[in-house]
Each structure stands twice: as structure tokens, then as C-alpha cells.
Amino acid sequence: MFKVLDKKVHKYRFLYGVSALIIDYWNKYIRKINYEEIKIRLNRMNVSVVTDKDAYVDLVSRMSLAVLFFSVITVGGYIKCSMDFFEKDKEIKFIERPEYGEGDINYNLVIKDEDNESNINVNVIERVYSKQEVFQLFTDSYEIMIKELLGDNESIDCITDDINLISGLDNGVLIEWIIEEDFIIDYSGKIKWLEIDKSCITKIEAIMNYGEYSQSYVIELILNKEKRNKNKLIKEDIEVLADNNDKTNKKINLEEISDKYNVKFIEKKDKESLVFIIYGLIVGILIFFAKGKDNEKLLEQRREELDADYSVIISKLTILQSAGLNTINAWDKIIADYEKGNKGKRFAYEEMKYARKKMKAGCSESACYLEFGRRCGTHSYIKFANVLEQNLKKGTKGMKEILNSEVREALEERKVLARKKGDAAGTKLLIPMGIMLVISIVIIIVPALLNINV
């Protein structure tokens, strides 16, 4: 198959044999390959008709690339390992210190002398900057520090919000702050705007530290109160009012702030109606599916009840016909016994009553029997209805033997049903039995372990 393929299209044809071996092994022992999906994909790309052979070759060609890369990497790795194995150990004259931020490095060194050989582990800490490098680091860090300092502010020439007095940078530089006018800016970076009229200029000092070296920078800040966000001003005024107000007073009057900024305050409450709609939708969906499950359970119970009553009904019908009653009279007798019994509603007998009512209403007897079988919906009742319908057409000849055969089959099916219910009940008992087993093991083992410890 592969020899006739075009070499220009199938460049790695020499690997198709091992690729096909992998695919065949996978298809046989691991998971069946769906070639139909491959054919659908190839049909979209090709105008011609795609065969199973084309799908197989396509899969093999894709596998050949995987085999090629696997082989190259594996063989290359083994060559490298072989070279390292046969390469003689070289004497080293120095070891490298890791750069700042890379962390310490551990070297495994072999010590050789004329007589013996031993191993040692040497831990080398990361490199420390020289004086010149440190001051260059300070210069490079200044712009980063200013950017962090500003926070939400535009620039140091227009400060309208609190500043961020950081304690250090990611490059290892530590920063100390000196604030002369701490009645305007505190050491958390919070600006006391109530102490400022419109705008003011203040200075803060930043001292950068790295190891034993330090560098001081004086930063001039222009605090502009007029350009501050109105909402922030109102928020701060309300917070100040709440802090300065009598803590024992339950209510805080906002009229002064409302008049000052010419605004109204409206408490926004959460709209929970949408939440209840979502809750209702979720519960409704759950109930919908739960109801569907209930209906399935009811249908299953109906089927089990019909199967359980089948052997009784057909046995009674057989006995009554053997006693000389015709089919319709035997049918009425079974219904009458059911109504006298007062054992609650049973689906099979209710369907018999429904069929009899239709007969009395003028429907043909054979049609009512067939409909009875369809309404019951199980194989046994459909077969039973067909027997009754054939009896009307062909007469009672052989009817007794057929019914006796049905009685035997019905009794066997009832035994099988009883056996299934017993198995199901046994399965349900496995969980409590398992729990009891675990408890018994604990009761036996725990005292034994305690005695061992003692």
C-alpha cells in the first residue's frame, strides 16, 4: 500500500511501517479508531471520493511526523548522555555567582588529590551590586518610585488624591520617608484636605537604601484641592462628619453637606426582585425535571404492577373458560371479582373495565381486545390481546392449549420478576452491611492497638 504512494507528497514514507504498527496496535488493543470522522474531514478538503484506505493513509502520515520528532529527540538525547558519560571530568578554575534576584546556587564539587577523591557541596550567595552599580540603581529606581507614589494622581504638579508612600521596590531598594509638614500629609500618605484652602506646595523627602548605601531625593508636591473629584470631597466630608458627630446619636444630619454642594442624597437599596426571579427559575427547572423523574417512576411502577397481575388474570381466564364460560363472560367475572375484592385500583383490571365499557358502547369486541393490549403497553398483554382477537376470528379450537402455554410462561416470568426484586433488595442492603462491617472492625482493632501502645 505504501510503496505506490507518491514520494513528493509522502516525504516520510520510510516511517509509515512503524507508524502503521502503532495505529494498528492502538485500534486493536486500546481504543477503536473512528475512520468515518477522518473521511468526513478529508471529504471537505478533497473533491474526489475518499475511501477507507485514504483515511488510513492520512492517519499514518500524521503519525509518521510524531514518530520522526520522537526519534530525533530521543536519539539526540542519548547521544548527549553518551558524550557526557565518556567525557573526562575537567578541572575548573572558578565558579559563577548568581545575579541579584536569582537566589543562592549550590555547587556539587569533586575534590581530587593523589590518593583519594571526595565530594563537597558549596553554597554561593547571589551577587551584590558595587557602589557605582548601586547609585545607578538609585537613579533608575527614581522614576519607578514616583509612579508608585502617585497612585491615582496625574502628576506631582497636580495632586488631587492620597499618595502611596511605599516602603520598597522589587529590585531590593528600601525607601524611607521624611515629612516635615505632617499636619498636611501623614505617614500613611493620607492628605488632610481640611487643612488646605485651595492649593499648596509641600515637600517630602525619600531616602533610598541598598545595603550600606543610601541616596536622598526631595520631591515637591503641588496639592490642588479645586481639581479634586466632587464625589470624593462629599465622601470625605460625610466620613469626617460621622467621626466628629456624637457617637451616641443614632442619626447623622446630612443637610449641611447637601446645602454646601447643592446635591441630594438618596439611599440606593438592592433590588432583590431579580434574585427571586432567578431563584424561582432555578426551582422551577428543578421541579420540572424532578416531576419528569416522578412520572418515569410511576410508569415503571405501572409496568411492574401489570407484569405482576398478568399471570393471575390469564390463569383466571383459563380456569373460567375450562369451566364452560365464554371469553366475554369470563372477562366480566374477573372484573366483578376485582370490584368485590376492594384491594385498591390496579392498572390491569381498570384497563379491562375500560375495554368492557367500550364493548357495551358499541365497539367491536376484537377491536377492544387489541386496544386493551396497546393501552397496557407490555409485550405480554399485547400477545394476550392478539390471542383473544384470533379466538374470535378462528374459534375456540386450540385456545385451551394456547392459554395453558401462556399461563406457564406468565408464572415463569413472575418467578424471574420476584428474583430480580430480591436481588435489588439485597443490593440495597450492601451499604448498611458495609457500615456495620467497618464498625465491627473498628470495635475489634482499636482496643487491640491501645493495648499495644500501653
Protein backbone atom coordinates (compact mmCIF):
# COMPACT_ATOMS: atom_id res chain seq x y z
CA MET A 1 0.00 0.00 0.00
CA PHE A 2 2.77 2.45 0.95
CA LYS A 3 5.21 1.63 -1.86
CA VAL A 4 2.90 3.03 -4.55
CA LEU A 5 2.45 6.38 -2.75
CA ASP A 6 3.99 9.49 -4.27
CA LYS A 7 7.30 10.31 -2.52
CA LYS A 8 6.88 14.04 -3.11
CA VAL A 9 3.60 14.10 -1.21
CA HIS A 10 4.58 11.50 1.38
CA LYS A 11 8.09 12.65 2.35
CA TYR A 12 8.33 10.45 5.42
CA ARG A 13 7.15 7.27 3.73
CA PHE A 14 10.12 5.38 5.19
CA LEU A 15 8.45 5.78 8.64
CA TYR A 16 5.00 4.61 7.55
CA GLY A 17 5.67 1.00 8.56
CA VAL A 18 6.32 1.73 12.24
CA SER A 19 3.55 4.37 12.21
CA ALA A 20 1.06 1.82 10.87
CA LEU A 21 2.19 -0.63 13.55
CA ILE A 22 1.40 1.92 16.29
CA ILE A 23 -2.01 2.75 14.80
CA ASP A 24 -2.97 -0.91 14.35
CA TYR A 25 -1.96 -1.71 17.93
CA TRP A 26 -3.97 1.25 19.22
CA ASN A 27 -7.01 0.28 17.13
CA LYS A 28 -6.90 -3.36 18.26
CA TYR A 29 -5.94 -3.20 21.94
CA ILE A 30 -6.61 0.32 23.27
CA ARG A 31 -9.45 2.12 21.50
CA LYS A 32 -11.29 1.61 18.24
CA ILE A 33 -10.48 4.37 15.75
CA ASN A 34 -13.44 6.11 14.10
CA TYR A 35 -12.37 6.38 10.47
CA GLU A 36 -15.70 7.94 9.48
CA GLU A 37 -14.74 11.24 11.16
CA ILE A 38 -11.43 11.27 9.25
CA LYS A 39 -13.28 10.59 5.99
CA ILE A 40 -15.70 13.46 6.66
CA ARG A 41 -12.75 15.82 7.23
CA LEU A 42 -10.96 14.61 4.09
CA ASN A 43 -14.17 14.90 2.04
CA ARG A 44 -14.34 18.59 2.95
CA MET A 45 -10.78 19.09 1.70
CA ASN A 46 -10.93 16.86 -1.42
CA VAL A 47 -13.32 16.86 -4.33
CA SER A 48 -12.78 13.16 -5.09
CA VAL A 49 -14.41 10.33 -3.17
CA VAL A 50 -12.50 9.42 -0.01
CA THR A 51 -12.12 5.71 0.80
CA ASP A 52 -11.20 3.88 3.99
CA LYS A 53 -7.71 3.41 2.56
CA ASP A 54 -7.30 7.20 2.14
CA ALA A 55 -8.37 7.77 5.76
CA TYR A 56 -5.90 5.13 6.97
CA VAL A 57 -3.00 6.63 4.96
CA ASP A 58 -3.82 10.11 6.27
CA LEU A 59 -3.71 8.85 9.85
CA VAL A 60 -0.42 7.02 9.20
CA SER A 61 1.15 10.14 7.64
CA ARG A 62 0.24 12.21 10.69
CA MET A 63 1.65 9.54 12.98
CA SER A 64 4.90 9.46 10.98
CA LEU A 65 5.63 13.09 11.96
CA ALA A 66 5.18 12.21 15.62
CA VAL A 67 7.48 9.21 15.20
CA LEU A 68 10.08 11.39 13.45
CA PHE A 69 10.20 14.03 16.19
CA PHE A 70 10.18 11.38 18.91
CA SER A 71 13.08 9.56 17.26
CA VAL A 72 15.17 12.72 16.71
CA ILE A 73 14.73 13.95 20.29
CA THR A 74 15.32 10.51 21.82
CA VAL A 75 18.38 9.70 19.73
CA GLY A 76 19.81 13.20 20.26
CA GLY A 77 19.28 12.86 24.00
CA TYR A 78 21.04 9.51 24.10
CA ILE A 79 23.95 10.90 22.09
CA LYS A 80 24.27 13.79 24.54
CA CYS A 81 24.15 11.42 27.53
CA SER A 82 26.76 9.17 25.89
CA MET A 83 29.06 12.13 25.27
CA ASP A 84 28.68 13.26 28.87
CA PHE A 85 29.41 9.71 30.07
CA PHE A 86 32.62 9.30 28.08
CA GLU A 87 33.78 12.90 28.51
CA LYS A 88 36.56 13.28 31.05
CA ASP A 89 35.96 15.48 34.09
CA LYS A 90 37.52 18.88 33.58
CA GLU A 91 39.34 20.84 36.23
CA ILE A 92 37.58 24.17 36.91
CA LYS A 93 39.30 27.37 37.91
CA PHE A 94 36.25 29.35 39.04
CA ILE A 95 32.55 29.11 39.87
CA GLU A 96 29.95 31.71 38.91
CA ARG A 97 27.96 33.72 41.41
CA PRO A 98 24.23 34.11 40.55
CA GLU A 99 22.96 37.56 39.67
CA TYR A 100 20.86 39.60 42.11
CA GLY A 101 17.36 38.18 42.43
CA GLU A 102 18.31 34.71 41.15
CA GLY A 103 18.87 33.37 44.68
CA ASP A 104 21.71 31.29 46.03
CA ILE A 105 23.19 28.45 43.99
CA ASN A 106 24.54 25.09 45.20
CA TYR A 107 27.62 23.55 43.53
CA ASN A 108 28.48 19.86 43.81
CA LEU A 109 32.30 19.69 43.57
CA VAL A 110 34.67 16.72 43.48
CA ILE A 111 37.95 17.10 45.33
CA LYS A 112 40.81 15.01 43.93
CA ASP A 113 44.33 14.51 45.19
CA GLU A 114 46.98 11.89 44.56
CA ASP A 115 45.44 9.33 46.91
CA ASN A 116 41.67 9.73 47.07
CA GLU A 117 38.57 11.54 45.85
CA SER A 118 35.66 13.12 47.79
CA ASN A 119 32.55 15.25 47.18
CA ILE A 120 31.55 18.58 48.78
CA ASN A 121 28.52 20.86 48.41
CA VAL A 122 29.25 24.58 48.26
CA ASN A 123 26.54 27.23 48.65
CA VAL A 124 27.24 30.53 46.85
CA ILE A 125 25.08 33.57 47.64
CA GLU A 126 23.86 35.90 44.92
CA ARG A 127 25.96 38.83 43.71
CA VAL A 128 25.87 42.19 45.49
CA TYR A 129 25.99 45.43 43.49
CA SER A 130 29.13 47.57 43.52
CA LYS A 131 28.96 51.19 44.73
CA GLN A 132 28.74 52.52 41.17
CA GLU A 133 26.02 50.00 40.30
CA VAL A 134 24.05 50.84 43.44
CA PHE A 135 23.89 54.57 42.66
CA GLN A 136 22.93 53.76 39.08
CA LEU A 137 20.22 51.54 40.57
CA PHE A 138 19.00 54.50 42.67
CA THR A 139 18.82 56.67 39.54
CA ASP A 140 16.90 54.01 37.62
CA SER A 141 14.55 53.44 40.57
CA TYR A 142 13.56 57.11 40.92
CA GLU A 143 11.01 57.04 38.08
CA ILE A 144 9.54 53.77 39.36
CA MET A 145 9.23 55.26 42.85
CA ILE A 146 7.45 58.39 41.53
CA LYS A 147 5.00 56.26 39.55
CA GLU A 148 4.18 54.18 42.64
CA LEU A 149 3.98 57.34 44.78
CA LEU A 150 1.35 58.99 42.57
CA GLY A 151 -1.22 56.22 42.75
CA ASP A 152 -4.40 57.65 41.15
CA ASN A 153 -2.91 61.14 40.73
CA GLU A 154 -1.91 62.55 37.34
CA SER A 155 1.45 64.06 38.28
CA ILE A 156 3.35 65.57 41.21
CA ASP A 157 2.30 69.00 39.90
CA CYS A 158 -1.40 68.22 40.42
CA ILE A 159 -2.07 66.06 43.47
CA THR A 160 -5.81 65.58 44.00
CA ASP A 161 -5.86 62.30 45.90
CA ASP A 162 -3.92 60.46 48.58
CA ILE A 163 -0.38 59.36 47.75
CA ASN A 164 1.25 55.95 48.17
CA LEU A 165 4.30 56.03 50.45
CA ILE A 166 5.81 52.66 49.50
CA SER A 167 8.43 51.03 51.70
CA GLY A 168 10.46 49.42 48.92
CA LEU A 169 10.75 48.30 45.30
CA ASP A 170 11.01 44.86 43.67
CA ASN A 171 14.71 45.40 42.86
CA GLY A 172 15.65 45.34 46.55
CA VAL A 173 15.77 49.10 47.16
CA LEU A 174 14.24 50.15 50.50
CA ILE A 175 12.65 53.59 50.89
CA GLU A 176 12.25 55.78 53.98
CA TRP A 177 10.10 58.91 54.01
CA ILE A 178 10.57 62.19 55.88
CA ILE A 179 7.57 64.53 56.00
CA GLU A 180 8.12 67.97 57.51
CA GLU A 181 4.53 69.21 57.19
CA ASP A 182 2.86 66.17 58.71
CA PHE A 183 -0.20 68.27 59.53
CA ILE A 184 -0.90 68.19 55.76
CA ILE A 185 0.27 64.67 54.85
CA ASP A 186 0.58 61.83 57.35
CA TYR A 187 2.94 58.87 57.04
CA SER A 188 0.20 56.65 55.56
CA GLY A 189 0.01 59.00 52.55
CA LYS A 190 -3.38 60.43 53.50
CA ILE A 191 -3.76 64.13 52.72
CA LYS A 192 -5.66 66.28 55.24
CA TRP A 193 -7.62 68.41 52.81
CA LEU A 194 -9.46 70.29 55.54
CA GLU A 195 -6.15 71.98 56.40
CA ILE A 196 -5.77 73.23 52.79
CA ASP A 197 -7.62 76.23 51.37
CA LYS A 198 -7.37 75.86 47.59
CA SER A 199 -3.88 74.64 46.72
CA CYS A 200 -0.47 74.48 48.35
CA ILE A 201 3.08 73.28 47.78
CA THR A 202 4.70 70.82 50.14
CA LYS A 203 7.89 68.80 50.11
CA ILE A 204 8.64 65.26 51.16
CA GLU A 205 11.99 63.51 51.28
CA ALA A 206 12.59 59.97 50.01
CA ILE A 207 15.72 58.14 51.21
CA MET A 208 16.64 55.11 49.11
CA ASN A 209 18.68 52.41 50.85
CA TYR A 210 20.52 49.42 49.47
CA GLY A 211 22.92 47.67 51.79
CA GLU A 212 25.28 50.27 53.25
CA TYR A 213 24.49 52.82 50.56
CA SER A 214 21.74 55.45 50.55
CA GLN A 215 20.56 58.32 48.38
CA SER A 216 18.15 61.16 49.29
CA TYR A 217 15.61 62.76 46.94
CA VAL A 218 13.43 65.78 47.74
CA ILE A 219 10.10 65.68 45.96
CA GLU A 220 7.95 68.80 45.59
CA LEU A 221 4.22 68.14 45.51
CA ILE A 222 1.53 70.61 44.44
CA LEU A 223 -1.73 69.79 46.25
CA ASN A 224 -4.69 71.12 44.22
CA LYS A 225 -7.93 71.00 46.15
CA GLU A 226 -10.01 72.75 43.46
CA LYS A 227 -9.47 69.97 40.95
CA ARG A 228 -10.47 67.22 43.32
CA ASN A 229 -13.30 64.89 42.38
CA LYS A 230 -16.59 66.18 43.79
CA ASN A 231 -17.77 62.75 44.87
CA LYS A 232 -14.55 62.16 46.82
CA LEU A 233 -14.95 65.52 48.57
CA ILE A 234 -18.53 64.68 49.57
CA LYS A 235 -17.48 61.19 50.74
CA GLU A 236 -14.68 62.61 52.90
CA ASP A 237 -16.95 65.29 54.38
CA ILE A 238 -19.54 62.67 55.34
CA GLU A 239 -16.86 60.47 56.93
CA VAL A 240 -15.46 63.44 58.90
CA LEU A 241 -18.99 64.39 59.98
CA ALA A 242 -19.65 60.82 61.12
CA ASP A 243 -16.37 60.72 63.10
CA ASN A 244 -16.86 64.13 64.74
CA ASN A 245 -20.56 63.66 65.49
CA ASP A 246 -21.80 62.50 68.83
CA LYS A 247 -21.28 58.72 68.76
CA THR A 248 -24.34 58.23 70.97
CA ASN A 249 -26.57 59.96 68.42
CA LYS A 250 -28.31 57.44 66.17
CA LYS A 251 -28.82 59.86 63.25
CA ILE A 252 -26.26 61.92 61.31
CA ASN A 253 -27.66 65.06 59.66
CA LEU A 254 -26.53 65.46 56.02
CA GLU A 255 -28.35 68.75 55.36
CA GLU A 256 -25.22 70.87 55.83
CA ILE A 257 -23.26 68.86 53.26
CA SER A 258 -26.27 68.77 50.96
CA ASP A 259 -26.51 72.60 51.04
CA LYS A 260 -22.73 73.01 50.68
CA TYR A 261 -22.52 71.02 47.43
CA ASN A 262 -26.11 71.62 46.28
CA VAL A 263 -26.87 67.89 45.99
CA LYS A 264 -29.48 65.43 47.23
CA PHE A 265 -28.76 62.11 48.91
CA ILE A 266 -30.81 59.05 48.07
CA GLU A 267 -30.12 55.70 49.69
CA LYS A 268 -29.76 53.07 47.00
CA LYS A 269 -31.27 49.78 48.05
CA ASP A 270 -30.50 46.47 46.48
CA LYS A 271 -33.14 45.31 44.04
CA GLU A 272 -33.77 41.78 45.19
CA SER A 273 -36.68 41.09 42.85
CA LEU A 274 -34.31 39.83 40.17
CA VAL A 275 -32.79 37.44 42.69
CA PHE A 276 -36.20 35.98 43.44
CA ILE A 277 -36.88 35.59 39.73
CA ILE A 278 -33.62 33.65 39.36
CA TYR A 279 -34.42 31.55 42.43
CA GLY A 280 -37.88 30.86 41.09
CA LEU A 281 -36.49 29.93 37.68
CA ILE A 282 -33.95 27.52 39.21
CA VAL A 283 -36.52 25.91 41.49
CA GLY A 284 -39.00 25.69 38.62
CA ILE A 285 -36.46 23.92 36.40
CA LEU A 286 -35.53 21.53 39.21
CA ILE A 287 -39.17 20.75 39.90
CA PHE A 288 -39.81 20.26 36.17
CA PHE A 289 -37.09 17.63 35.92
CA ALA A 290 -37.99 16.14 39.30
CA LYS A 291 -41.59 15.81 38.10
CA GLY A 292 -40.36 14.09 34.98
CA LYS A 293 -38.44 11.65 37.17
CA ASP A 294 -41.59 11.05 39.24
CA ASN A 295 -43.55 10.31 36.07
CA GLU A 296 -40.87 7.86 35.00
CA LYS A 297 -41.09 6.16 38.39
CA LEU A 298 -44.88 5.95 38.10
CA LEU A 299 -44.62 4.42 34.64
CA GLU A 300 -42.10 1.90 35.98
CA GLN A 301 -44.40 1.04 38.89
CA ARG A 302 -47.32 0.68 36.46
CA ARG A 303 -45.30 -1.71 34.29
CA GLU A 304 -44.26 -3.80 37.32
CA GLU A 305 -47.86 -3.92 38.55
CA LEU A 306 -49.13 -5.01 35.11
CA ASP A 307 -46.48 -7.76 34.97
CA ALA A 308 -47.39 -8.94 38.47
CA ASP A 309 -51.14 -9.15 37.66
CA TYR A 310 -50.72 -10.78 34.25
CA SER A 311 -50.25 -14.34 35.50
CA VAL A 312 -53.29 -14.00 37.82
CA ILE A 313 -55.59 -12.65 35.07
CA ILE A 314 -54.65 -15.20 32.44
CA SER A 315 -54.89 -18.06 34.99
CA LYS A 316 -58.40 -16.97 35.98
CA LEU A 317 -59.45 -16.62 32.36
CA THR A 318 -58.12 -20.11 31.56
CA ILE A 319 -59.93 -21.69 34.56
CA LEU A 320 -63.22 -19.91 33.78
CA GLN A 321 -63.11 -20.94 30.12
CA SER A 322 -62.37 -24.53 31.17
CA ALA A 323 -65.48 -24.31 33.42
CA GLY A 324 -67.62 -23.53 30.36
CA LEU A 325 -67.76 -19.72 30.28
CA ASN A 326 -67.06 -17.95 27.03
CA THR A 327 -64.43 -15.20 26.81
CA ILE A 328 -66.74 -12.23 27.42
CA ASN A 329 -68.44 -13.84 30.42
CA ALA A 330 -65.09 -14.84 31.90
CA TRP A 331 -63.96 -11.22 31.35
CA ASP A 332 -67.00 -9.93 33.28
CA LYS A 333 -66.41 -12.45 36.08
CA ILE A 334 -62.80 -11.30 36.55
CA ILE A 335 -63.94 -7.67 36.69
CA ALA A 336 -66.66 -8.49 39.22
CA ASP A 337 -64.21 -10.35 41.50
CA TYR A 338 -61.84 -7.37 41.29
CA GLU A 339 -64.57 -4.92 42.33
CA LYS A 340 -65.62 -7.12 45.25
CA GLY A 341 -62.06 -7.52 46.49
CA ASN A 342 -61.61 -3.80 47.46
CA LYS A 343 -57.79 -4.02 47.21
CA GLY A 344 -57.43 -0.59 45.63
CA LYS A 345 -57.04 0.32 41.99
CA ARG A 346 -54.94 -1.98 39.81
CA PHE A 347 -53.99 -0.83 36.32
CA ALA A 348 -54.65 -4.12 34.53
CA TYR A 349 -58.18 -4.53 35.94
CA GLU A 350 -59.01 -0.87 35.29
CA GLU A 351 -57.96 -1.35 31.66
CA MET A 352 -60.24 -4.42 31.49
CA LYS A 353 -63.15 -2.34 32.83
CA TYR A 354 -62.42 0.39 30.27
CA ALA A 355 -62.38 -2.15 27.41
CA ARG A 356 -65.69 -3.67 28.61
CA LYS A 357 -67.33 -0.25 28.72
CA LYS A 358 -66.32 0.36 25.11
CA MET A 359 -67.80 -3.01 24.14
CA LYS A 360 -71.08 -2.05 25.78
CA ALA A 361 -70.93 1.29 23.99
CA GLY A 362 -70.96 -0.50 20.63
CA CYS A 363 -67.32 -1.04 19.74
CA SER A 364 -66.41 -4.42 18.29
CA GLU A 365 -65.08 -7.00 20.73
CA SER A 366 -61.93 -7.75 18.71
CA ALA A 367 -61.04 -4.03 18.40
CA CYS A 368 -61.49 -3.56 22.16
CA TYR A 369 -59.17 -6.51 22.91
CA LEU A 370 -56.48 -5.10 20.62
CA GLU A 371 -56.81 -1.63 22.13
CA PHE A 372 -56.61 -3.20 25.61
CA GLY A 373 -53.24 -4.72 24.69
CA ARG A 374 -51.92 -1.44 23.24
CA ARG A 375 -53.05 0.58 26.27
CA CYS A 376 -51.33 -1.84 28.66
CA GLY A 377 -48.23 -1.45 26.51
CA THR A 378 -46.29 -4.54 27.57
CA HIS A 379 -45.37 -7.48 25.35
CA SER A 380 -47.35 -9.95 27.44
CA TYR A 381 -50.65 -8.05 27.23
CA ILE A 382 -50.25 -7.31 23.51
CA LYS A 383 -49.72 -11.03 22.89
CA PHE A 384 -52.70 -11.88 25.15
CA ALA A 385 -54.93 -9.43 23.24
CA ASN A 386 -53.86 -10.93 19.91
CA VAL A 387 -54.76 -14.42 21.20
CA LEU A 388 -58.25 -13.22 22.20
CA GLU A 389 -58.73 -11.46 18.88
CA GLN A 390 -57.65 -14.59 16.94
CA ASN A 391 -60.04 -16.63 19.07
CA LEU A 392 -62.97 -14.53 17.81
CA LYS A 393 -61.91 -14.99 14.20
CA LYS A 394 -60.93 -18.68 14.15
CA GLY A 395 -62.99 -20.10 17.01
CA THR A 396 -62.01 -21.83 20.25
CA LYS A 397 -60.08 -24.66 18.62
CA GLY A 398 -56.62 -24.83 20.22
CA MET A 399 -57.48 -21.91 22.52
CA LYS A 400 -57.09 -24.01 25.67
CA GLU A 401 -53.59 -25.14 24.76
CA ILE A 402 -52.51 -21.58 23.91
CA LEU A 403 -53.84 -20.20 27.19
CA ASN A 404 -52.21 -23.01 29.20
CA SER A 405 -48.91 -22.23 27.50
CA GLU A 406 -49.36 -18.54 28.32
CA VAL A 407 -50.09 -19.42 31.96
CA ARG A 408 -46.84 -21.37 32.21
CA GLU A 409 -44.84 -18.55 30.63
CA ALA A 410 -46.54 -15.99 32.88
CA LEU A 411 -45.67 -17.97 36.00
CA GLU A 412 -42.04 -18.25 34.88
CA GLU A 413 -41.90 -14.52 34.23
CA ARG A 414 -43.37 -13.89 37.67
CA LYS A 415 -40.63 -16.02 39.24
CA VAL A 416 -37.98 -14.05 37.33
CA LEU A 417 -39.57 -10.78 38.46
CA ALA A 418 -39.58 -11.95 42.08
CA ARG A 419 -35.94 -12.99 41.77
CA LYS A 420 -34.99 -9.54 40.38
CA LYS A 421 -36.74 -7.78 43.24
CA GLY A 422 -34.90 -10.00 45.71
CA ASP A 423 -31.55 -9.18 44.08
CA ALA A 424 -32.37 -5.46 44.16
CA ALA A 425 -33.28 -5.66 47.84
CA GLY A 426 -30.01 -7.48 48.54
CA THR A 427 -28.04 -4.79 46.72
CA LYS A 428 -29.68 -2.06 48.81
CA LEU A 429 -28.65 -3.92 51.97
CA LEU A 430 -24.96 -3.89 50.96
CA ILE A 431 -24.41 -0.30 52.16
CA PRO A 432 -25.72 -0.81 55.74
CA MET A 433 -23.92 -4.16 55.85
CA GLY A 434 -20.69 -2.44 54.83
CA ILE A 435 -21.15 0.21 57.51
CA MET A 436 -21.73 -2.49 60.13
CA LEU A 437 -18.57 -4.28 58.92
CA VAL A 438 -16.46 -1.12 59.33
CA ILE A 439 -17.90 -0.53 62.83
CA SER A 440 -17.14 -4.13 63.78
CA ILE A 441 -13.54 -3.82 62.55
CA VAL A 442 -13.09 -0.56 64.50
CA ILE A 443 -14.51 -2.16 67.67
CA ILE A 444 -12.03 -5.05 67.35
CA ILE A 445 -8.89 -3.19 66.17
CA VAL A 446 -8.96 0.00 68.30
CA PRO A 447 -8.77 -1.79 71.70
CA ALA A 448 -6.01 -4.03 70.33
CA LEU A 449 -3.96 -1.01 69.19
CA LEU A 450 -4.47 0.71 72.53
CA ASN A 451 -3.16 -2.37 74.34
CA ILE A 452 -0.10 -2.46 72.07
CA ASN A 453 0.68 1.20 72.85
CA VAL A 454 0.36 0.50 76.55
